[in-house]
C-alpha atoms as a PDB file:
ATOM      1  CA  MET A   1      -0.061   0.018   0.009  1.00  0.00           C
ATOM      2  CA  THR A   2       1.382   3.501  -0.825  1.00  0.00           C
ATOM      3  CA  ILE A   3       0.885   7.230  -0.078  1.00  0.00           C
ATOM      4  CA  ALA A   4      -0.132   7.974  -3.629  1.00  0.00           C
ATOM      5  CA  GLY A   5      -2.353  11.075  -3.810  1.00  0.00           C
ATOM      6  CA  LYS A   6      -1.566  12.243  -0.218  1.00  0.00           C
ATOM      7  CA  VAL A   7      -0.128  15.630   0.590  1.00  0.00           C
ATOM      8  CA  ALA A   8       2.851  15.768   3.028  1.00  0.00           C
ATOM      9  CA  LEU A   9       4.747  18.619   4.619  1.00  0.00           C
ATOM     10  CA  VAL A  10       8.375  18.368   5.567  1.00  0.00           C
ATOM     11  CA  THR A  11      10.224  20.810   7.617  1.00  0.00           C
ATOM     12  CA  GLY A  12      13.824  21.270   7.217  1.00  0.00           C
ATOM     13  CA  ALA A  13      13.436  19.979   3.719  1.00  0.00           C
ATOM     14  CA  GLY A  14      16.246  21.919   2.206  1.00  0.00           C
ATOM     15  CA  GLN A  15      19.044  19.432   2.901  1.00  0.00           C
ATOM     16  CA  GLY A  16      20.028  16.286   4.709  1.00  0.00           C
ATOM     17  CA  ILE A  17      17.435  13.961   6.042  1.00  0.00           C
ATOM     18  CA  GLY A  18      14.699  16.353   5.407  1.00  0.00           C
ATOM     19  CA  ARG A  19      15.612  16.600   1.708  1.00  0.00           C
ATOM     20  CA  GLY A  20      15.799  12.733   1.667  1.00  0.00           C
ATOM     21  CA  ILE A  21      12.352  12.370   3.304  1.00  0.00           C
ATOM     22  CA  ALA A  22      10.821  14.834   0.925  1.00  0.00           C
ATOM     23  CA  LEU A  23      12.075  13.003  -2.151  1.00  0.00           C
ATOM     24  CA  ARG A  24      11.224   9.593  -0.897  1.00  0.00           C
ATOM     25  CA  LEU A  25       7.662  10.674  -0.132  1.00  0.00           C
ATOM     26  CA  ALA A  26       7.417  12.140  -3.604  1.00  0.00           C
ATOM     27  CA  ARG A  27       8.773   9.038  -5.155  1.00  0.00           C
ATOM     28  CA  ASP A  28       6.058   7.052  -3.280  1.00  0.00           C
ATOM     29  CA  GLY A  29       3.309   9.242  -4.675  1.00  0.00           C
ATOM     30  CA  ALA A  30       2.760  12.175  -2.496  1.00  0.00           C
ATOM     31  CA  ALA A  31       2.631  15.816  -3.291  1.00  0.00           C
ATOM     32  CA  VAL A  32       5.044  17.684  -0.966  1.00  0.00           C
ATOM     33  CA  ALA A  33       5.260  21.054   0.707  1.00  0.00           C
ATOM     34  CA  LEU A  34       8.861  21.871   1.562  1.00  0.00           C
ATOM     35  CA  VAL A  35       9.546  24.082   4.628  1.00  0.00           C
ATOM     36  CA  ASP A  36      12.851  25.645   5.618  1.00  0.00           C
ATOM     37  CA  VAL A  37      14.502  28.927   6.646  1.00  0.00           C
ATOM     38  CA  LYS A  38      16.595  28.674   3.316  1.00  0.00           C
ATOM     39  CA  ALA A  39      14.498  29.550   0.293  1.00  0.00           C
ATOM     40  CA  ASP A  40      17.272  28.530  -2.285  1.00  0.00           C
ATOM     41  CA  LYS A  41      17.606  25.046  -0.722  1.00  0.00           C
ATOM     42  CA  ILE A  42      13.888  24.184  -0.845  1.00  0.00           C
ATOM     43  CA  GLU A  43      13.451  25.614  -4.249  1.00  0.00           C
ATOM     44  CA  GLU A  44      16.143  23.146  -5.465  1.00  0.00           C
ATOM     45  CA  VAL A  45      14.417  20.245  -3.794  1.00  0.00           C
ATOM     46  CA  ALA A  46      11.051  21.329  -5.391  1.00  0.00           C
ATOM     47  CA  GLY A  47      12.718  21.197  -8.709  1.00  0.00           C
ATOM     48  CA  GLU A  48      13.948  17.627  -7.985  1.00  0.00           C
ATOM     49  CA  ILE A  49      10.408  16.637  -6.970  1.00  0.00           C
ATOM     50  CA  ARG A  50       8.831  18.176 -10.020  1.00  0.00           C
ATOM     51  CA  ALA A  51      11.164  16.411 -12.193  1.00  0.00           C
ATOM     52  CA  LEU A  52       9.797  13.144 -10.803  1.00  0.00           C
ATOM     53  CA  GLY A  53       6.440  14.158 -12.079  1.00  0.00           C
ATOM     54  CA  ARG A  54       4.979  15.121  -8.452  1.00  0.00           C
ATOM     55  CA  LYS A  55       3.642  18.331  -7.117  1.00  0.00           C
ATOM     56  CA  ALA A  56       5.717  20.532  -4.860  1.00  0.00           C
ATOM     57  CA  THR A  57       5.358  23.860  -3.131  1.00  0.00           C
ATOM     58  CA  THR A  58       7.654  25.743  -0.888  1.00  0.00           C
ATOM     59  CA  PHE A  59       7.319  28.025   2.174  1.00  0.00           C
ATOM     60  CA  VAL A  60      10.058  29.778   4.056  1.00  0.00           C
ATOM     61  CA  ALA A  61       9.373  29.572   7.806  1.00  0.00           C
ATOM     62  CA  ASP A  62      11.227  29.525  11.089  1.00  0.00           C
ATOM     63  CA  ILE A  63       9.614  26.560  12.991  1.00  0.00           C
ATOM     64  CA  SER A  64      10.228  28.149  16.270  1.00  0.00           C
ATOM     65  CA  ASP A  65       7.505  30.707  15.452  1.00  0.00           C
ATOM     66  CA  ARG A  66       4.120  29.231  15.924  1.00  0.00           C
ATOM     67  CA  ASP A  67       2.295  31.466  13.663  1.00  0.00           C
ATOM     68  CA  GLN A  68       4.711  30.676  10.873  1.00  0.00           C
ATOM     69  CA  VAL A  69       4.283  26.903  11.352  1.00  0.00           C
ATOM     70  CA  PHE A  70       0.501  27.271  11.197  1.00  0.00           C
ATOM     71  CA  ALA A  71       0.830  29.389   8.060  1.00  0.00           C
ATOM     72  CA  ALA A  72       2.991  26.727   6.447  1.00  0.00           C
ATOM     73  CA  VAL A  73       0.326  24.144   6.998  1.00  0.00           C
ATOM     74  CA  ASP A  74      -2.350  26.383   5.649  1.00  0.00           C
ATOM     75  CA  HIS A  75      -0.117  27.071   2.593  1.00  0.00           C
ATOM     76  CA  ALA A  76       0.355  23.190   1.987  1.00  0.00           C
ATOM     77  CA  GLU A  77      -3.491  22.706   1.984  1.00  0.00           C
ATOM     78  CA  LYS A  78      -4.142  25.590  -0.304  1.00  0.00           C
ATOM     79  CA  GLU A  79      -1.431  24.949  -2.883  1.00  0.00           C
ATOM     80  CA  LEU A  80      -1.690  21.123  -2.946  1.00  0.00           C
ATOM     81  CA  GLY A  81      -5.419  20.563  -2.304  1.00  0.00           C
ATOM     82  CA  GLY A  82      -5.210  18.561   0.867  1.00  0.00           C
ATOM     83  CA  PHE A  83      -3.220  17.679   3.919  1.00  0.00           C
ATOM     84  CA  ASP A  84      -2.382  14.226   5.172  1.00  0.00           C
ATOM     85  CA  ILE A  85       1.153  13.982   6.539  1.00  0.00           C
ATOM     86  CA  MET A  86       3.217  16.146   8.839  1.00  0.00           C
ATOM     87  CA  VAL A  87       6.944  15.432   9.168  1.00  0.00           C
ATOM     88  CA  ASN A  88       8.435  17.553  11.904  1.00  0.00           C
ATOM     89  CA  ASN A  89      12.066  16.930  10.718  1.00  0.00           C
ATOM     90  CA  ALA A  90      13.726  20.414  11.294  1.00  0.00           C
ATOM     91  CA  GLY A  91      16.143  20.738  14.169  1.00  0.00           C
ATOM     92  CA  ILE A  92      19.693  21.721  15.185  1.00  0.00           C
ATOM     93  CA  SER A  93      22.539  20.168  17.187  1.00  0.00           C
ATOM     94  CA  GLN A  94      24.662  21.586  20.003  1.00  0.00           C
ATOM     95  CA  VAL A  95      28.018  20.358  21.085  1.00  0.00           C
ATOM     96  CA  LYS A  96      29.164  21.738  24.470  1.00  0.00           C
ATOM     97  CA  PRO A  97      30.013  20.617  28.015  1.00  0.00           C
ATOM     98  CA  LEU A  98      27.058  20.994  30.268  1.00  0.00           C
ATOM     99  CA  ALA A  99      28.969  23.400  32.491  1.00  0.00           C
ATOM    100  CA  ASP A 100      29.563  25.834  29.595  1.00  0.00           C
ATOM    101  CA  VAL A 101      26.098  26.014  27.999  1.00  0.00           C
ATOM    102  CA  THR A 102      24.525  29.496  28.196  1.00  0.00           C
ATOM    103  CA  VAL A 103      20.998  30.559  28.679  1.00  0.00           C
ATOM    104  CA  GLU A 104      20.841  31.860  25.147  1.00  0.00           C
ATOM    105  CA  GLU A 105      22.008  28.533  23.684  1.00  0.00           C
ATOM    106  CA  VAL A 106      19.517  26.431  25.766  1.00  0.00           C
ATOM    107  CA  GLU A 107      16.669  28.803  24.814  1.00  0.00           C
ATOM    108  CA  ARG A 108      17.562  28.628  21.060  1.00  0.00           C
ATOM    109  CA  ILE A 109      17.820  24.796  20.786  1.00  0.00           C
ATOM    110  CA  TYR A 110      14.596  24.268  22.812  1.00  0.00           C
ATOM    111  CA  ARG A 111      12.649  26.940  20.705  1.00  0.00           C
ATOM    112  CA  ILE A 112      13.620  24.919  17.543  1.00  0.00           C
ATOM    113  CA  ASN A 113      13.769  21.296  18.567  1.00  0.00           C
ATOM    114  CA  VAL A 114      11.102  21.131  21.172  1.00  0.00           C
ATOM    115  CA  GLN A 115       8.813  24.090  20.650  1.00  0.00           C
ATOM    116  CA  GLY A 116       9.091  23.753  16.862  1.00  0.00           C
ATOM    117  CA  THR A 117       8.046  20.147  17.125  1.00  0.00           C
ATOM    118  CA  LEU A 118       5.115  21.040  19.396  1.00  0.00           C
ATOM    119  CA  TRP A 119       3.887  23.839  16.897  1.00  0.00           C
ATOM    120  CA  GLY A 120       4.019  21.272  14.218  1.00  0.00           C
ATOM    121  CA  ILE A 121       1.933  18.784  16.040  1.00  0.00           C
ATOM    122  CA  GLN A 122      -0.607  21.470  17.010  1.00  0.00           C
ATOM    123  CA  ALA A 123      -0.889  22.860  13.496  1.00  0.00           C
ATOM    124  CA  ALA A 124      -1.294  19.457  11.786  1.00  0.00           C
ATOM    125  CA  ALA A 125      -3.728  18.141  14.446  1.00  0.00           C
ATOM    126  CA  ALA A 126      -5.846  21.327  14.038  1.00  0.00           C
ATOM    127  CA  LYS A 127      -5.857  21.016  10.322  1.00  0.00           C
ATOM    128  CA  PHE A 128      -6.893  17.203  10.286  1.00  0.00           C
ATOM    129  CA  LYS A 129      -9.550  18.067  12.711  1.00  0.00           C
ATOM    130  CA  ALA A 130     -10.908  20.980  10.561  1.00  0.00           C
ATOM    131  CA  ARG A 131     -10.916  18.703   7.531  1.00  0.00           C
ATOM    132  CA  LYS A 132     -12.642  15.916   9.578  1.00  0.00           C
ATOM    133  CA  GLN A 133     -10.133  13.302   8.578  1.00  0.00           C
ATOM    134  CA  LYS A 134      -7.283  10.953   9.784  1.00  0.00           C
ATOM    135  CA  GLY A 135      -3.701  12.003   9.564  1.00  0.00           C
ATOM    136  CA  LYS A 136      -0.122  11.137  10.390  1.00  0.00           C
ATOM    137  CA  ILE A 137       2.291  13.251  12.372  1.00  0.00           C
ATOM    138  CA  ILE A 138       6.009  12.063  12.369  1.00  0.00           C
ATOM    139  CA  ASN A 139       8.596  13.692  14.554  1.00  0.00           C
ATOM    140  CA  ALA A 140      12.278  13.635  14.402  1.00  0.00           C
ATOM    141  CA  SER A 141      13.946  12.282  17.646  1.00  0.00           C
ATOM    142  CA  SER A 142      17.394  10.604  17.569  1.00  0.00           C
ATOM    143  CA  ILE A 143      19.466   7.991  19.207  1.00  0.00           C
ATOM    144  CA  ALA A 144      20.085  10.839  21.624  1.00  0.00           C
ATOM    145  CA  GLY A 145      16.421  10.686  22.530  1.00  0.00           C
ATOM    146  CA  HIS A 146      17.246   7.139  23.930  1.00  0.00           C
ATOM    147  CA  GLU A 147      20.618   7.744  25.441  1.00  0.00           C
ATOM    148  CA  GLY A 148      22.272  10.940  26.624  1.00  0.00           C
ATOM    149  CA  TYR A 149      25.649  11.648  25.239  1.00  0.00           C
ATOM    150  CA  ALA A 150      28.649  13.552  26.812  1.00  0.00           C
ATOM    151  CA  LEU A 151      28.956  16.949  25.080  1.00  0.00           C
ATOM    152  CA  LEU A 152      25.637  16.500  23.581  1.00  0.00           C
ATOM    153  CA  GLY A 153      23.610  16.739  26.785  1.00  0.00           C
ATOM    154  CA  VAL A 154      21.302  19.538  26.025  1.00  0.00           C
ATOM    155  CA  TYR A 155      20.722  18.246  22.478  1.00  0.00           C
ATOM    156  CA  SER A 156      20.010  14.890  24.018  1.00  0.00           C
ATOM    157  CA  SER A 157      17.388  16.356  26.346  1.00  0.00           C
ATOM    158  CA  THR A 158      15.550  18.022  23.481  1.00  0.00           C
ATOM    159  CA  LYS A 159      15.375  14.643  21.724  1.00  0.00           C
ATOM    160  CA  PHE A 160      14.036  12.991  24.811  1.00  0.00           C
ATOM    161  CA  ALA A 161      11.465  15.784  24.924  1.00  0.00           C
ATOM    162  CA  VAL A 162      10.394  14.994  21.451  1.00  0.00           C
ATOM    163  CA  ARG A 163       9.733  11.386  22.575  1.00  0.00           C
ATOM    164  CA  ALA A 164       7.550  12.729  25.418  1.00  0.00           C
ATOM    165  CA  LEU A 165       5.625  14.997  23.100  1.00  0.00           C
ATOM    166  CA  THR A 166       5.101  12.006  20.656  1.00  0.00           C
ATOM    167  CA  GLN A 167       3.775   9.880  23.388  1.00  0.00           C
ATOM    168  CA  ALA A 168       1.438  12.412  24.793  1.00  0.00           C
ATOM    169  CA  ALA A 169       0.096  13.576  21.391  1.00  0.00           C
ATOM    170  CA  ALA A 170      -0.560   9.979  20.410  1.00  0.00           C
ATOM    171  CA  LYS A 171      -2.757   9.510  23.495  1.00  0.00           C
ATOM    172  CA  GLU A 172      -4.560  12.798  23.009  1.00  0.00           C
ATOM    173  CA  TYR A 173      -5.287  12.531  19.343  1.00  0.00           C
ATOM    174  CA  ALA A 174      -5.926   8.705  18.959  1.00  0.00           C
ATOM    175  CA  SER A 175      -9.730   9.178  19.220  1.00  0.00           C
ATOM    176  CA  ASP A 176      -9.371  11.690  16.245  1.00  0.00           C
ATOM    177  CA  GLY A 177      -7.810   9.107  14.149  1.00  0.00           C
ATOM    178  CA  ILE A 178      -4.466  10.866  14.264  1.00  0.00           C
ATOM    179  CA  ASN A 179      -1.306   8.673  14.543  1.00  0.00           C
ATOM    180  CA  VAL A 180       1.790  10.207  15.974  1.00  0.00           C
ATOM    181  CA  ASN A 181       5.138   8.495  15.813  1.00  0.00           C
ATOM    182  CA  ALA A 182       8.751   9.472  15.827  1.00  0.00           C
ATOM    183  CA  TYR A 183      11.928   8.198  14.150  1.00  0.00           C
ATOM    184  CA  CYS A 184      15.365   8.017  15.723  1.00  0.00           C
ATOM    185  CA  PRO A 185      18.235   7.971  13.424  1.00  0.00           C
ATOM    186  CA  GLY A 186      21.902   7.375  14.432  1.00  0.00           C
ATOM    187  CA  VAL A 187      24.995   8.689  12.715  1.00  0.00           C
ATOM    188  CA  VAL A 188      23.922   9.976   9.285  1.00  0.00           C
ATOM    189  CA  GLY A 189      26.348  11.201   6.817  1.00  0.00           C
ATOM    190  CA  THR A 190      24.973  14.744   6.488  1.00  0.00           C
ATOM    191  CA  ASP A 191      26.148  18.299   7.139  1.00  0.00           C
ATOM    192  CA  MET A 192      24.812  18.107  10.738  1.00  0.00           C
ATOM    193  CA  TRP A 193      27.257  15.354  11.657  1.00  0.00           C
ATOM    194  CA  VAL A 194      30.069  17.201   9.818  1.00  0.00           C
ATOM    195  CA  ASP A 195      29.429  20.112  12.143  1.00  0.00           C
ATOM    196  CA  ILE A 196      29.108  17.734  15.245  1.00  0.00           C
ATOM    197  CA  ASP A 197      32.469  16.144  14.297  1.00  0.00           C
ATOM    198  CA  LYS A 198      34.047  19.604  13.875  1.00  0.00           C
ATOM    199  CA  ARG A 199      32.772  20.902  17.166  1.00  0.00           C
ATOM    200  CA  MET A 200      33.785  17.574  18.887  1.00  0.00           C
ATOM    201  CA  SER A 201      37.137  18.164  17.724  1.00  0.00           C
ATOM    202  CA  GLU A 202      37.308  21.789  19.047  1.00  0.00           C
ATOM    203  CA  VAL A 203      36.304  20.634  22.425  1.00  0.00           C
ATOM    204  CA  THR A 204      38.242  17.206  22.775  1.00  0.00           C
ATOM    205  CA  GLY A 205      41.273  17.973  20.691  1.00  0.00           C
ATOM    206  CA  ALA A 206      40.597  14.865  18.665  1.00  0.00           C
ATOM    207  CA  PRO A 207      41.545  15.066  14.920  1.00  0.00           C
ATOM    208  CA  ILE A 208      38.743  16.142  12.434  1.00  0.00           C
ATOM    209  CA  GLY A 209      36.961  12.915  11.542  1.00  0.00           C
ATOM    210  CA  ALA A 210      37.922  10.908  14.500  1.00  0.00           C
ATOM    211  CA  THR A 211      34.624  11.322  16.376  1.00  0.00           C
ATOM    212  CA  TYR A 212      32.583  10.482  13.246  1.00  0.00           C
ATOM    213  CA  GLU A 213      34.666   7.314  12.590  1.00  0.00           C
ATOM    214  CA  LYS A 214      34.476   6.257  16.257  1.00  0.00           C
ATOM    215  CA  PHE A 215      30.599   6.448  16.157  1.00  0.00           C
ATOM    216  CA  VAL A 216      30.470   4.711  12.777  1.00  0.00           C
ATOM    217  CA  GLY A 217      32.778   1.996  13.993  1.00  0.00           C
ATOM    218  CA  GLY A 218      30.157   1.072  16.553  1.00  0.00           C
ATOM    219  CA  ILE A 219      27.353   0.438  14.021  1.00  0.00           C
ATOM    220  CA  ALA A 220      26.718  -3.250  13.665  1.00  0.00           C
ATOM    221  CA  LEU A 221      25.787  -3.057   9.985  1.00  0.00           C
ATOM    222  CA  GLY A 222      29.140  -1.650   9.312  1.00  0.00           C
ATOM    223  CA  ARG A 223      28.463   1.744   7.671  1.00  0.00           C
ATOM    224  CA  ALA A 224      27.199   5.179   8.395  1.00  0.00           C
ATOM    225  CA  GLU A 225      23.518   5.823   7.890  1.00  0.00           C
ATOM    226  CA  THR A 226      22.242   7.671   4.734  1.00  0.00           C
ATOM    227  CA  PRO A 227      19.205   9.983   4.360  1.00  0.00           C
ATOM    228  CA  ASP A 228      17.607   7.454   2.299  1.00  0.00           C
ATOM    229  CA  ASP A 229      17.797   4.893   5.167  1.00  0.00           C
ATOM    230  CA  VAL A 230      15.883   7.265   7.379  1.00  0.00           C
ATOM    231  CA  ALA A 231      13.389   8.368   4.512  1.00  0.00           C
ATOM    232  CA  ALA A 232      12.311   4.640   3.854  1.00  0.00           C
ATOM    233  CA  PHE A 233      11.226   4.325   7.511  1.00  0.00           C
ATOM    234  CA  VAL A 234       9.627   7.641   7.544  1.00  0.00           C
ATOM    235  CA  SER A 235       7.581   6.581   4.413  1.00  0.00           C
ATOM    236  CA  TYR A 236       6.348   3.567   6.301  1.00  0.00           C
ATOM    237  CA  LEU A 237       5.189   5.750   8.972  1.00  0.00           C
ATOM    238  CA  ALA A 238       3.310   7.933   6.603  1.00  0.00           C
ATOM    239  CA  GLY A 239       1.624   5.178   4.811  1.00  0.00           C
ATOM    240  CA  PRO A 240      -1.246   2.954   5.669  1.00  0.00           C
ATOM    241  CA  ASP A 241       0.864  -0.062   6.765  1.00  0.00           C
ATOM    242  CA  SER A 242       1.635   1.619  10.060  1.00  0.00           C
ATOM    243  CA  ASP A 243      -1.992   2.594  10.696  1.00  0.00           C
ATOM    244  CA  TYR A 244      -1.982   0.437  13.962  1.00  0.00           C
ATOM    245  CA  MET A 245       1.284   2.124  15.203  1.00  0.00           C
ATOM    246  CA  THR A 246       1.094   5.248  17.521  1.00  0.00           C
ATOM    247  CA  GLY A 247       3.196   6.843  20.181  1.00  0.00           C
ATOM    248  CA  GLN A 248       6.249   4.946  19.237  1.00  0.00           C
ATOM    249  CA  ALA A 249       9.940   6.263  18.569  1.00  0.00           C
ATOM    250  CA  PRO A 250      11.795   3.349  17.079  1.00  0.00           C
ATOM    251  CA  LEU A 251      15.599   3.381  16.437  1.00  0.00           C
ATOM    252  CA  ILE A 252      16.641   3.334  12.954  1.00  0.00           C
ATOM    253  CA  ASP A 253      20.462   3.384  13.325  1.00  0.00           C
ATOM    254  CA  GLY A 254      21.879   0.259  11.792  1.00  0.00           C
ATOM    255  CA  GLY A 255      22.478  -1.296  15.287  1.00  0.00           C
ATOM    256  CA  LEU A 256      24.282   1.240  17.533  1.00  0.00           C
ATOM    257  CA  VAL A 257      21.743   1.752  20.428  1.00  0.00           C
ATOM    258  CA  TYR A 258      19.703  -1.205  21.544  1.00  0.00           C
ATOM    259  CA  ARG A 259      16.278  -0.777  23.447  1.00  0.00           C
END
């Protein structure tokens, strides 16, 4: 069973995992609304989706702003003629010892990773209810949402929070026919991990690439994850084969963290 004819919105769709998810959902038959703070990036992805013969629309938004997230959902419905799937993918990382984290840094990462996810849940659920239909909400957590990591403590706490929001929303919206799940990637070969590795090097003195190689070396399947690996699982969560699944945050990490 597929998601052909469905309308999906993906935040953080301009690069990395978000781009991979948007393209996979399009290949599987969905029309896709691309949301990001970088207009040029999402326009490029929109072009790739249209080249596949699927509809795409773009909307520039800062997901930490509740009004902008609601406006993005309204835009998706208006431009693509419906609304069925919300992927709250956008997020940022932070590498710093807990003792050195500033008030401003904590506030920023929580505004984006936690509040941004909450606004996405609210906006999608409100739209599904207004349309009197079922829907899928899919949130980005992480292996760091299952296990706290040194020098990634505040980031880890945001991803634990995403799991909590996912569970609570699943319980609150189940009677409305809305499924809420999350995905928990591991070490994905994206710009975010390049940045994490660089910052780890600055803090620990390890050579550039050493932290990345250390984590990848612990993966049972023997390779780093790709955006396509994550996207394949998100497509499952978006489709009808996962209709009896809600409130879950499975690990999709190649065998790195086990729960």
